[in-house]
Amino acid sequence: MKKKEILVMCCHPGILETLIRLIEKSGEFKATPAATAEEVLNRFSTGAFDLVLMGAGLAPEAEKELERDLHKINPETPVIYHFGGGSGLLFAEIKQGLDQT
């Protein structure tokens, strides 16, 4: 079974590293890190992702702008937000986002 590809954006290096580790550890997903909005857009426009996970670090206006830019590139890919709450919540949010497709 092919792993679902998740692009993970978080401006805080330690949190980004933790998110990547948790997602990869599940065995169901492949996680690609991005630390800036520019990096997210570059990776998203050159790769095929099943989901974009937005973590902490961007101002609300910048988050919405980035989400609009991502949907211009591929409106079918869900963008979900995760700002903590543990790994159970993280995986529930990921599964809910993937169910949108």
PDB file of N, CA and C in Angstrom:
ATOM      1  N   MET A   1       0.846  -1.183   0.000  1.00  0.00           N
ATOM      2  CA  MET A   1       0.000   0.000   0.000  1.00  0.00           C
ATOM      3  C   MET A   1       0.893   1.248   0.000  1.00  0.00           C
ATOM      4  N   LYS A   2       0.570   2.168  -0.882  1.00  0.00           N
ATOM      5  CA  LYS A   2       1.340   3.408  -1.001  1.00  0.00           C
ATOM      6  C   LYS A   2       1.033   4.329   0.180  1.00  0.00           C
ATOM      7  N   LYS A   3       2.085   4.877   0.750  1.00  0.00           N
ATOM      8  CA  LYS A   3       1.918   5.815   1.856  1.00  0.00           C
ATOM      9  C   LYS A   3       1.368   7.137   1.344  1.00  0.00           C
ATOM     10  N   LYS A   4       0.509   7.752   2.136  1.00  0.00           N
ATOM     11  CA  LYS A   4      -0.010   9.085   1.821  1.00  0.00           C
ATOM     12  C   LYS A   4       1.101  10.104   2.039  1.00  0.00           C
ATOM     13  N   GLU A   5       1.211  11.052   1.117  1.00  0.00           N
ATOM     14  CA  GLU A   5       2.247  12.095   1.169  1.00  0.00           C
ATOM     15  C   GLU A   5       1.680  13.336   1.860  1.00  0.00           C
ATOM     16  N   ILE A   6       2.368  13.760   2.922  1.00  0.00           N
ATOM     17  CA  ILE A   6       1.927  14.931   3.681  1.00  0.00           C
ATOM     18  C   ILE A   6       3.038  15.975   3.684  1.00  0.00           C
ATOM     19  N   LEU A   7       2.697  17.174   3.260  1.00  0.00           N
ATOM     20  CA  LEU A   7       3.611  18.308   3.331  1.00  0.00           C
ATOM     21  C   LEU A   7       3.336  19.019   4.657  1.00  0.00           C
ATOM     22  N   VAL A   8       4.356  19.101   5.504  1.00  0.00           N
ATOM     23  CA  VAL A   8       4.190  19.642   6.855  1.00  0.00           C
ATOM     24  C   VAL A   8       4.902  20.988   6.952  1.00  0.00           C
ATOM     25  N   MET A   9       4.144  22.042   7.269  1.00  0.00           N
ATOM     26  CA  MET A   9       4.703  23.383   7.400  1.00  0.00           C
ATOM     27  C   MET A   9       4.671  23.797   8.856  1.00  0.00           C
ATOM     28  N   CYS A  10       5.816  24.206   9.397  1.00  0.00           N
ATOM     29  CA  CYS A  10       5.891  24.755  10.744  1.00  0.00           C
ATOM     30  C   CYS A  10       7.145  25.616  10.824  1.00  0.00           C
ATOM     31  N   CYS A  11       7.016  26.813  11.359  1.00  0.00           N
ATOM     32  CA  CYS A  11       8.147  27.742  11.447  1.00  0.00           C
ATOM     33  C   CYS A  11       9.075  27.454  12.616  1.00  0.00           C
ATOM     34  N   HIS A  12       8.656  26.630  13.545  1.00  0.00           N
ATOM     35  CA  HIS A  12       9.457  26.312  14.724  1.00  0.00           C
ATOM     36  C   HIS A  12      10.184  24.990  14.496  1.00  0.00           C
ATOM     37  N   PRO A  13      11.510  25.020  14.342  1.00  0.00           N
ATOM     38  CA  PRO A  13      12.267  23.811  13.980  1.00  0.00           C
ATOM     39  C   PRO A  13      12.024  22.606  14.890  1.00  0.00           C
ATOM     40  N   GLY A  14      11.974  22.808  16.180  1.00  0.00           N
ATOM     41  CA  GLY A  14      11.766  21.692  17.097  1.00  0.00           C
ATOM     42  C   GLY A  14      10.398  21.051  16.936  1.00  0.00           C
ATOM     43  N   ILE A  15       9.387  21.882  16.765  1.00  0.00           N
ATOM     44  CA  ILE A  15       8.028  21.377  16.572  1.00  0.00           C
ATOM     45  C   ILE A  15       7.920  20.675  15.223  1.00  0.00           C
ATOM     46  N   LEU A  16       8.521  21.260  14.196  1.00  0.00           N
ATOM     47  CA  LEU A  16       8.509  20.638  12.870  1.00  0.00           C
ATOM     48  C   LEU A  16       9.151  19.253  12.934  1.00  0.00           C
ATOM     49  N   GLU A  17      10.284  19.167  13.607  1.00  0.00           N
ATOM     50  CA  GLU A  17      10.981  17.884  13.735  1.00  0.00           C
ATOM     51  C   GLU A  17      10.095  16.851  14.444  1.00  0.00           C
ATOM     52  N   THR A  18       9.398  17.269  15.484  1.00  0.00           N
ATOM     53  CA  THR A  18       8.511  16.373  16.217  1.00  0.00           C
ATOM     54  C   THR A  18       7.349  15.915  15.346  1.00  0.00           C
ATOM     55  N   LEU A  19       6.744  16.839  14.618  1.00  0.00           N
ATOM     56  CA  LEU A  19       5.641  16.472  13.734  1.00  0.00           C
ATOM     57  C   LEU A  19       6.087  15.456  12.687  1.00  0.00           C
ATOM     58  N   ILE A  20       7.234  15.695  12.074  1.00  0.00           N
ATOM     59  CA  ILE A  20       7.748  14.779  11.053  1.00  0.00           C
ATOM     60  C   ILE A  20       7.979  13.401  11.670  1.00  0.00           C
ATOM     61  N   ARG A  21       8.607  13.367  12.826  1.00  0.00           N
ATOM     62  CA  ARG A  21       8.903  12.095  13.495  1.00  0.00           C
ATOM     63  C   ARG A  21       7.621  11.326  13.812  1.00  0.00           C
ATOM     64  N   LEU A  22       6.621  11.997  14.361  1.00  0.00           N
ATOM     65  CA  LEU A  22       5.356  11.341  14.698  1.00  0.00           C
ATOM     66  C   LEU A  22       4.644  10.810  13.462  1.00  0.00           C
ATOM     67  N   ILE A  23       4.596  11.624  12.424  1.00  0.00           N
ATOM     68  CA  ILE A  23       3.897  11.224  11.203  1.00  0.00           C
ATOM     69  C   ILE A  23       4.591  10.040  10.556  1.00  0.00           C
ATOM     70  N   GLU A  24       5.904  10.088  10.453  1.00  0.00           N
ATOM     71  CA  GLU A  24       6.668   8.998   9.832  1.00  0.00           C
ATOM     72  C   GLU A  24       6.569   7.713  10.655  1.00  0.00           C
ATOM     73  N   LYS A  25       6.546   7.841  11.977  1.00  0.00           N
ATOM     74  CA  LYS A  25       6.518   6.691  12.866  1.00  0.00           C
ATOM     75  C   LYS A  25       5.238   5.870  12.692  1.00  0.00           C
ATOM     76  N   SER A  26       4.171   6.505  12.250  1.00  0.00           N
ATOM     77  CA  SER A  26       2.892   5.802  12.091  1.00  0.00           C
ATOM     78  C   SER A  26       2.977   4.686  11.059  1.00  0.00           C
ATOM     79  N   GLY A  27       3.882   4.847  10.083  1.00  0.00           N
ATOM     80  CA  GLY A  27       3.999   3.858   9.020  1.00  0.00           C
ATOM     81  C   GLY A  27       2.996   4.031   7.896  1.00  0.00           C
ATOM     82  N   GLU A  28       2.002   4.892   8.086  1.00  0.00           N
ATOM     83  CA  GLU A  28       0.970   5.110   7.073  1.00  0.00           C
ATOM     84  C   GLU A  28       1.286   6.272   6.131  1.00  0.00           C
ATOM     85  N   PHE A  29       2.169   7.157   6.582  1.00  0.00           N
ATOM     86  CA  PHE A  29       2.378   8.409   5.872  1.00  0.00           C
ATOM     87  C   PHE A  29       3.856   8.678   5.627  1.00  0.00           C
ATOM     88  N   LYS A  30       4.117   9.461   4.574  1.00  0.00           N
ATOM     89  CA  LYS A  30       5.446  10.005   4.327  1.00  0.00           C
ATOM     90  C   LYS A  30       5.321  11.515   4.516  1.00  0.00           C
ATOM     91  N   ALA A  31       6.179  12.076   5.357  1.00  0.00           N
ATOM     92  CA  ALA A  31       6.106  13.499   5.685  1.00  0.00           C
ATOM     93  C   ALA A  31       7.273  14.250   5.071  1.00  0.00           C
ATOM     94  N   THR A  32       6.964  15.390   4.461  1.00  0.00           N
ATOM     95  CA  THR A  32       7.979  16.268   3.886  1.00  0.00           C
ATOM     96  C   THR A  32       7.938  17.586   4.646  1.00  0.00           C
ATOM     97  N   PRO A  33       9.066  17.993   5.243  1.00  0.00           N
ATOM     98  CA  PRO A  33       9.069  19.224   6.047  1.00  0.00           C
ATOM     99  C   PRO A  33       9.236  20.486   5.209  1.00  0.00           C
ATOM    100  N   ALA A  34       8.676  21.576   5.715  1.00  0.00           N
ATOM    101  CA  ALA A  34       8.869  22.907   5.141  1.00  0.00           C
ATOM    102  C   ALA A  34       8.783  23.913   6.282  1.00  0.00           C
ATOM    103  N   ALA A  35       9.750  24.825   6.343  1.00  0.00           N
ATOM    104  CA  ALA A  35       9.828  25.762   7.464  1.00  0.00           C
ATOM    105  C   ALA A  35       9.319  27.165   7.134  1.00  0.00           C
ATOM    106  N   THR A  36       9.084  27.448   5.855  1.00  0.00           N
ATOM    107  CA  THR A  36       8.614  28.774   5.453  1.00  0.00           C
ATOM    108  C   THR A  36       7.504  28.628   4.413  1.00  0.00           C
ATOM    109  N   ALA A  37       6.726  29.692   4.245  1.00  0.00           N
ATOM    110  CA  ALA A  37       5.676  29.679   3.231  1.00  0.00           C
ATOM    111  C   ALA A  37       6.274  29.494   1.837  1.00  0.00           C
ATOM    112  N   GLU A  38       7.401  30.133   1.582  1.00  0.00           N
ATOM    113  CA  GLU A  38       8.063  29.999   0.277  1.00  0.00           C
ATOM    114  C   GLU A  38       8.470  28.545   0.024  1.00  0.00           C
ATOM    115  N   GLU A  39       9.006  27.900   1.037  1.00  0.00           N
ATOM    116  CA  GLU A  39       9.410  26.497   0.899  1.00  0.00           C
ATOM    117  C   GLU A  39       8.194  25.601   0.645  1.00  0.00           C
ATOM    118  N   VAL A  40       7.088  25.878   1.323  1.00  0.00           N
ATOM    119  CA  VAL A  40       5.860  25.119   1.109  1.00  0.00           C
ATOM    120  C   VAL A  40       5.419  25.237  -0.349  1.00  0.00           C
ATOM    121  N   LEU A  41       5.375  26.457  -0.854  1.00  0.00           N
ATOM    122  CA  LEU A  41       4.934  26.666  -2.236  1.00  0.00           C
ATOM    123  C   LEU A  41       5.870  25.999  -3.242  1.00  0.00           C
ATOM    124  N   ASN A  42       7.166  26.074  -3.006  1.00  0.00           N
ATOM    125  CA  ASN A  42       8.127  25.423  -3.906  1.00  0.00           C
ATOM    126  C   ASN A  42       7.933  23.915  -3.915  1.00  0.00           C
ATOM    127  N   ARG A  43       7.844  23.320  -2.743  1.00  0.00           N
ATOM    128  CA  ARG A  43       7.673  21.864  -2.655  1.00  0.00           C
ATOM    129  C   ARG A  43       6.323  21.429  -3.224  1.00  0.00           C
ATOM    130  N   PHE A  44       5.290  22.198  -2.923  1.00  0.00           N
ATOM    131  CA  PHE A  44       3.942  21.846  -3.359  1.00  0.00           C
ATOM    132  C   PHE A  44       3.807  21.917  -4.877  1.00  0.00           C
ATOM    133  N   SER A  45       4.463  22.897  -5.478  1.00  0.00           N
ATOM    134  CA  SER A  45       4.335  23.050  -6.932  1.00  0.00           C
ATOM    135  C   SER A  45       5.170  22.033  -7.700  1.00  0.00           C
ATOM    136  N   THR A  46       6.099  21.366  -7.023  1.00  0.00           N
ATOM    137  CA  THR A  46       6.929  20.372  -7.717  1.00  0.00           C
ATOM    138  C   THR A  46       6.671  18.946  -7.258  1.00  0.00           C
ATOM    139  N   GLY A  47       5.801  18.746  -6.279  1.00  0.00           N
ATOM    140  CA  GLY A  47       5.541  17.403  -5.767  1.00  0.00           C
ATOM    141  C   GLY A  47       4.056  17.097  -5.731  1.00  0.00           C
ATOM    142  N   ALA A  48       3.750  15.835  -5.477  1.00  0.00           N
ATOM    143  CA  ALA A  48       2.356  15.399  -5.365  1.00  0.00           C
ATOM    144  C   ALA A  48       2.077  15.065  -3.905  1.00  0.00           C
ATOM    145  N   PHE A  49       1.203  15.837  -3.283  1.00  0.00           N
ATOM    146  CA  PHE A  49       0.892  15.646  -1.880  1.00  0.00           C
ATOM    147  C   PHE A  49      -0.595  15.357  -1.712  1.00  0.00           C
ATOM    148  N   ASP A  50      -0.898  14.485  -0.753  1.00  0.00           N
ATOM    149  CA  ASP A  50      -2.282  14.143  -0.454  1.00  0.00           C
ATOM    150  C   ASP A  50      -2.892  15.104   0.555  1.00  0.00           C
ATOM    151  N   LEU A  51      -2.023  15.824   1.286  1.00  0.00           N
ATOM    152  CA  LEU A  51      -2.490  16.700   2.350  1.00  0.00           C
ATOM    153  C   LEU A  51      -1.387  17.692   2.702  1.00  0.00           C
ATOM    154  N   VAL A  52      -1.798  18.904   3.093  1.00  0.00           N
ATOM    155  CA  VAL A  52      -0.862  19.884   3.649  1.00  0.00           C
ATOM    156  C   VAL A  52      -1.272  20.113   5.095  1.00  0.00           C
ATOM    157  N   LEU A  53      -0.301  19.932   6.000  1.00  0.00           N
ATOM    158  CA  LEU A  53      -0.527  20.146   7.425  1.00  0.00           C
ATOM    159  C   LEU A  53       0.170  21.434   7.827  1.00  0.00           C
ATOM    160  N   MET A  54      -0.606  22.394   8.309  1.00  0.00           N
ATOM    161  CA  MET A  54      -0.067  23.688   8.721  1.00  0.00           C
ATOM    162  C   MET A  54       0.075  23.705  10.236  1.00  0.00           C
ATOM    163  N   GLY A  55       1.302  23.923  10.698  1.00  0.00           N
ATOM    164  CA  GLY A  55       1.576  24.038  12.118  1.00  0.00           C
ATOM    165  C   GLY A  55       1.745  25.490  12.508  1.00  0.00           C
ATOM    166  N   ALA A  56       2.360  25.711  13.624  1.00  0.00           N
ATOM    167  CA  ALA A  56       2.491  27.043  14.199  1.00  0.00           C
ATOM    168  C   ALA A  56       3.558  27.876  13.510  1.00  0.00           C
ATOM    169  N   GLY A  57       3.403  29.189  13.634  1.00  0.00           N
ATOM    170  CA  GLY A  57       4.467  30.086  13.211  1.00  0.00           C
ATOM    171  C   GLY A  57       4.075  31.201  12.274  1.00  0.00           C
ATOM    172  N   LEU A  58       3.039  31.024  11.494  1.00  0.00           N
ATOM    173  CA  LEU A  58       2.615  32.095  10.591  1.00  0.00           C
ATOM    174  C   LEU A  58       1.484  32.897  11.224  1.00  0.00           C
ATOM    175  N   ALA A  59       1.436  34.164  10.901  1.00  0.00           N
ATOM    176  CA  ALA A  59       0.312  34.995  11.324  1.00  0.00           C
ATOM    177  C   ALA A  59      -0.949  34.500  10.610  1.00  0.00           C
ATOM    178  N   PRO A  60      -2.127  34.684  11.224  1.00  0.00           N
ATOM    179  CA  PRO A  60      -3.366  34.199  10.604  1.00  0.00           C
ATOM    180  C   PRO A  60      -3.563  34.671   9.159  1.00  0.00           C
ATOM    181  N   GLU A  61      -3.206  35.922   8.879  1.00  0.00           N
ATOM    182  CA  GLU A  61      -3.368  36.437   7.508  1.00  0.00           C
ATOM    183  C   GLU A  61      -2.435  35.704   6.545  1.00  0.00           C
ATOM    184  N   ALA A  62      -1.220  35.438   6.989  1.00  0.00           N
ATOM    185  CA  ALA A  62      -0.247  34.722   6.155  1.00  0.00           C
ATOM    186  C   ALA A  62      -0.689  33.283   5.927  1.00  0.00           C
ATOM    187  N   GLU A  63      -1.311  32.658   6.931  1.00  0.00           N
ATOM    188  CA  GLU A  63      -1.835  31.296   6.768  1.00  0.00           C
ATOM    189  C   GLU A  63      -2.897  31.261   5.677  1.00  0.00           C
ATOM    190  N   LYS A  64      -3.831  32.188   5.751  1.00  0.00           N
ATOM    191  CA  LYS A  64      -4.923  32.225   4.766  1.00  0.00           C
ATOM    192  C   LYS A  64      -4.393  32.512   3.364  1.00  0.00           C
ATOM    193  N   GLU A  65      -3.419  33.421   3.263  1.00  0.00           N
ATOM    194  CA  GLU A  65      -2.819  33.721   1.965  1.00  0.00           C
ATOM    195  C   GLU A  65      -2.118  32.485   1.398  1.00  0.00           C
ATOM    196  N   LEU A  66      -1.387  31.781   2.243  1.00  0.00           N
ATOM    197  CA  LEU A  66      -0.702  30.566   1.803  1.00  0.00           C
ATOM    198  C   LEU A  66      -1.719  29.509   1.374  1.00  0.00           C
ATOM    199  N   GLU A  67      -2.774  29.355   2.139  1.00  0.00           N
ATOM    200  CA  GLU A  67      -3.810  28.384   1.767  1.00  0.00           C
ATOM    201  C   GLU A  67      -4.434  28.741   0.417  1.00  0.00           C
ATOM    202  N   ARG A  68      -4.702  30.022   0.174  1.00  0.00           N
ATOM    203  CA  ARG A  68      -5.243  30.447  -1.134  1.00  0.00           C
ATOM    204  C   ARG A  68      -4.257  30.114  -2.255  1.00  0.00           C
ATOM    205  N   ASP A  69      -2.967  30.376  -2.028  1.00  0.00           N
ATOM    206  CA  ASP A  69      -1.947  30.082  -3.039  1.00  0.00           C
ATOM    207  C   ASP A  69      -1.859  28.583  -3.317  1.00  0.00           C
ATOM    208  N   LEU A  70      -1.958  27.772  -2.275  1.00  0.00           N
ATOM    209  CA  LEU A  70      -1.920  26.318  -2.459  1.00  0.00           C
ATOM    210  C   LEU A  70      -3.117  25.839  -3.264  1.00  0.00           C
ATOM    211  N   HIS A  71      -4.284  26.400  -2.974  1.00  0.00           N
ATOM    212  CA  HIS A  71      -5.488  25.991  -3.709  1.00  0.00           C
ATOM    213  C   HIS A  71      -5.475  26.459  -5.158  1.00  0.00           C
ATOM    214  N   LYS A  72      -4.737  27.515  -5.456  1.00  0.00           N
ATOM    215  CA  LYS A  72      -4.575  27.929  -6.851  1.00  0.00           C
ATOM    216  C   LYS A  72      -3.764  26.892  -7.623  1.00  0.00           C
ATOM    217  N   ILE A  73      -2.790  26.294  -6.942  1.00  0.00           N
ATOM    218  CA  ILE A  73      -1.948  25.277  -7.573  1.00  0.00           C
ATOM    219  C   ILE A  73      -2.716  23.964  -7.700  1.00  0.00           C
ATOM    220  N   ASN A  74      -3.375  23.543  -6.619  1.00  0.00           N
ATOM    221  CA  ASN A  74      -4.147  22.303  -6.639  1.00  0.00           C
ATOM    222  C   ASN A  74      -5.303  22.420  -5.651  1.00  0.00           C
ATOM    223  N   PRO A  75      -6.485  22.741  -6.147  1.00  0.00           N
ATOM    224  CA  PRO A  75      -7.626  22.942  -5.252  1.00  0.00           C
ATOM    225  C   PRO A  75      -8.124  21.659  -4.593  1.00  0.00           C
ATOM    226  N   GLU A  76      -7.686  20.506  -5.073  1.00  0.00           N
ATOM    227  CA  GLU A  76      -8.148  19.226  -4.539  1.00  0.00           C
ATOM    228  C   GLU A  76      -7.427  18.810  -3.253  1.00  0.00           C
ATOM    229  N   THR A  77      -6.252  19.357  -3.001  1.00  0.00           N
ATOM    230  CA  THR A  77      -5.462  18.944  -1.842  1.00  0.00           C
ATOM    231  C   THR A  77      -5.951  19.662  -0.595  1.00  0.00           C
ATOM    232  N   PRO A  78      -6.396  18.905   0.425  1.00  0.00           N
ATOM    233  CA  PRO A  78      -6.856  19.548   1.646  1.00  0.00           C
ATOM    234  C   PRO A  78      -5.705  20.181   2.430  1.00  0.00           C
ATOM    235  N   VAL A  79      -6.017  21.297   3.070  1.00  0.00           N
ATOM    236  CA  VAL A  79      -5.082  21.985   3.954  1.00  0.00           C
ATOM    237  C   VAL A  79      -5.713  21.961   5.342  1.00  0.00           C
ATOM    238  N   ILE A  80      -4.990  21.362   6.294  1.00  0.00           N
ATOM    239  CA  ILE A  80      -5.506  21.306   7.661  1.00  0.00           C
ATOM    240  C   ILE A  80      -4.534  22.015   8.595  1.00  0.00           C
ATOM    241  N   TYR A  81      -5.030  22.409   9.744  1.00  0.00           N
ATOM    242  CA  TYR A  81      -4.235  23.138  10.733  1.00  0.00           C
ATOM    243  C   TYR A  81      -4.090  22.289  11.989  1.00  0.00           C
ATOM    244  N   HIS A  82      -2.880  22.282  12.537  1.00  0.00           N
ATOM    245  CA  HIS A  82      -2.630  21.569  13.789  1.00  0.00           C
ATOM    246  C   HIS A  82      -1.758  22.457  14.671  1.00  0.00           C
ATOM    247  N   PHE A  83      -2.260  22.788  15.842  1.00  0.00           N
ATOM    248  CA  PHE A  83      -1.524  23.677  16.744  1.00  0.00           C
ATOM    249  C   PHE A  83      -1.296  23.037  18.102  1.00  0.00           C
ATOM    250  N   GLY A  84      -1.206  21.723  18.131  1.00  0.00           N
ATOM    251  CA  GLY A  84      -0.939  21.023  19.381  1.00  0.00           C
ATOM    252  C   GLY A  84      -2.131  20.211  19.820  1.00  0.00           C
ATOM    253  N   GLY A  85      -1.948  19.536  20.950  1.00  0.00           N
ATOM    254  CA  GLY A  85      -3.036  18.732  21.482  1.00  0.00           C
ATOM    255  C   GLY A  85      -2.714  17.255  21.515  1.00  0.00           C
ATOM    256  N   GLY A  86      -1.504  16.905  21.137  1.00  0.00           N
ATOM    257  CA  GLY A  86      -1.081  15.512  21.224  1.00  0.00           C
ATOM    258  C   GLY A  86      -1.199  14.754  19.923  1.00  0.00           C
ATOM    259  N   SER A  87      -0.586  13.574  19.908  1.00  0.00           N
ATOM    260  CA  SER A  87      -0.526  12.790  18.685  1.00  0.00           C
ATOM    261  C   SER A  87      -1.883  12.210  18.307  1.00  0.00           C
ATOM    262  N   GLY A  88      -2.733  11.917  19.298  1.00  0.00           N
ATOM    263  CA  GLY A  88      -4.070  11.410  18.977  1.00  0.00           C
ATOM    264  C   GLY A  88      -4.861  12.420  18.169  1.00  0.00           C
ATOM    265  N   LEU A  89      -4.818  13.666  18.592  1.00  0.00           N
ATOM    266  CA  LEU A  89      -5.503  14.731  17.868  1.00  0.00           C
ATOM    267  C   LEU A  89      -4.867  14.934  16.497  1.00  0.00           C
ATOM    268  N   LEU A  90      -3.538  14.898  16.428  1.00  0.00           N
ATOM    269  CA  LEU A  90      -2.833  15.058  15.159  1.00  0.00           C
ATOM    270  C   LEU A  90      -3.324  14.041  14.141  1.00  0.00           C
ATOM    271  N   PHE A  91      -3.371  12.769  14.525  1.00  0.00           N
ATOM    272  CA  PHE A  91      -3.774  11.735  13.578  1.00  0.00           C
ATOM    273  C   PHE A  91      -5.264  11.801  13.254  1.00  0.00           C
ATOM    274  N   ALA A  92      -6.084  12.230  14.192  1.00  0.00           N
ATOM    275  CA  ALA A  92      -7.507  12.423  13.912  1.00  0.00           C
ATOM    276  C   ALA A  92      -7.680  13.534  12.877  1.00  0.00           C
ATOM    277  N   GLU A  93      -6.918  14.618  13.021  1.00  0.00           N
ATOM    278  CA  GLU A  93      -7.000  15.731  12.060  1.00  0.00           C
ATOM    279  C   GLU A  93      -6.510  15.290  10.674  1.00  0.00           C
ATOM    280  N   ILE A  94      -5.432  14.518  10.638  1.00  0.00           N
ATOM    281  CA  ILE A  94      -4.906  14.033   9.359  1.00  0.00           C
ATOM    282  C   ILE A  94      -5.945  13.137   8.682  1.00  0.00           C
ATOM    283  N   LYS A  95      -6.480  12.193   9.412  1.00  0.00           N
ATOM    284  CA  LYS A  95      -7.466  11.270   8.825  1.00  0.00           C
ATOM    285  C   LYS A  95      -8.711  12.024   8.358  1.00  0.00           C
ATOM    286  N   GLN A  96      -9.158  12.995   9.140  1.00  0.00           N
ATOM    287  CA  GLN A  96     -10.309  13.793   8.743  1.00  0.00           C
ATOM    288  C   GLN A  96     -10.002  14.574   7.453  1.00  0.00           C
ATOM    289  N   GLY A  97      -8.806  15.151   7.378  1.00  0.00           N
ATOM    290  CA  GLY A  97      -8.419  15.869   6.172  1.00  0.00           C
ATOM    291  C   GLY A  97      -8.349  14.955   4.958  1.00  0.00           C
ATOM    292  N   LEU A  98      -7.801  13.768   5.131  1.00  0.00           N
ATOM    293  CA  LEU A  98      -7.701  12.830   4.016  1.00  0.00           C
ATOM    294  C   LEU A  98      -9.075  12.327   3.579  1.00  0.00           C
ATOM    295  N   ASP A  99     -10.025  12.272   4.494  1.00  0.00           N
ATOM    296  CA  ASP A  99     -11.371  11.843   4.152  1.00  0.00           C
ATOM    297  C   ASP A  99     -12.089  12.864   3.272  1.00  0.00           C
ATOM    298  N   GLN A 100     -11.575  14.097   3.213  1.00  0.00           N
ATOM    299  CA  GLN A 100     -12.161  15.148   2.371  1.00  0.00           C
ATOM    300  C   GLN A 100     -11.927  14.890   0.893  1.00  0.00           C
ATOM    301  N   THR A 101     -10.904  14.082   0.577  1.00  0.00           N
ATOM    302  CA  THR A 101     -10.541  13.856  -0.833  1.00  0.00           C
ATOM    303  C   THR A 101     -11.345  12.756  -1.451  1.00  0.00           C
TER     304      THR A 101
END
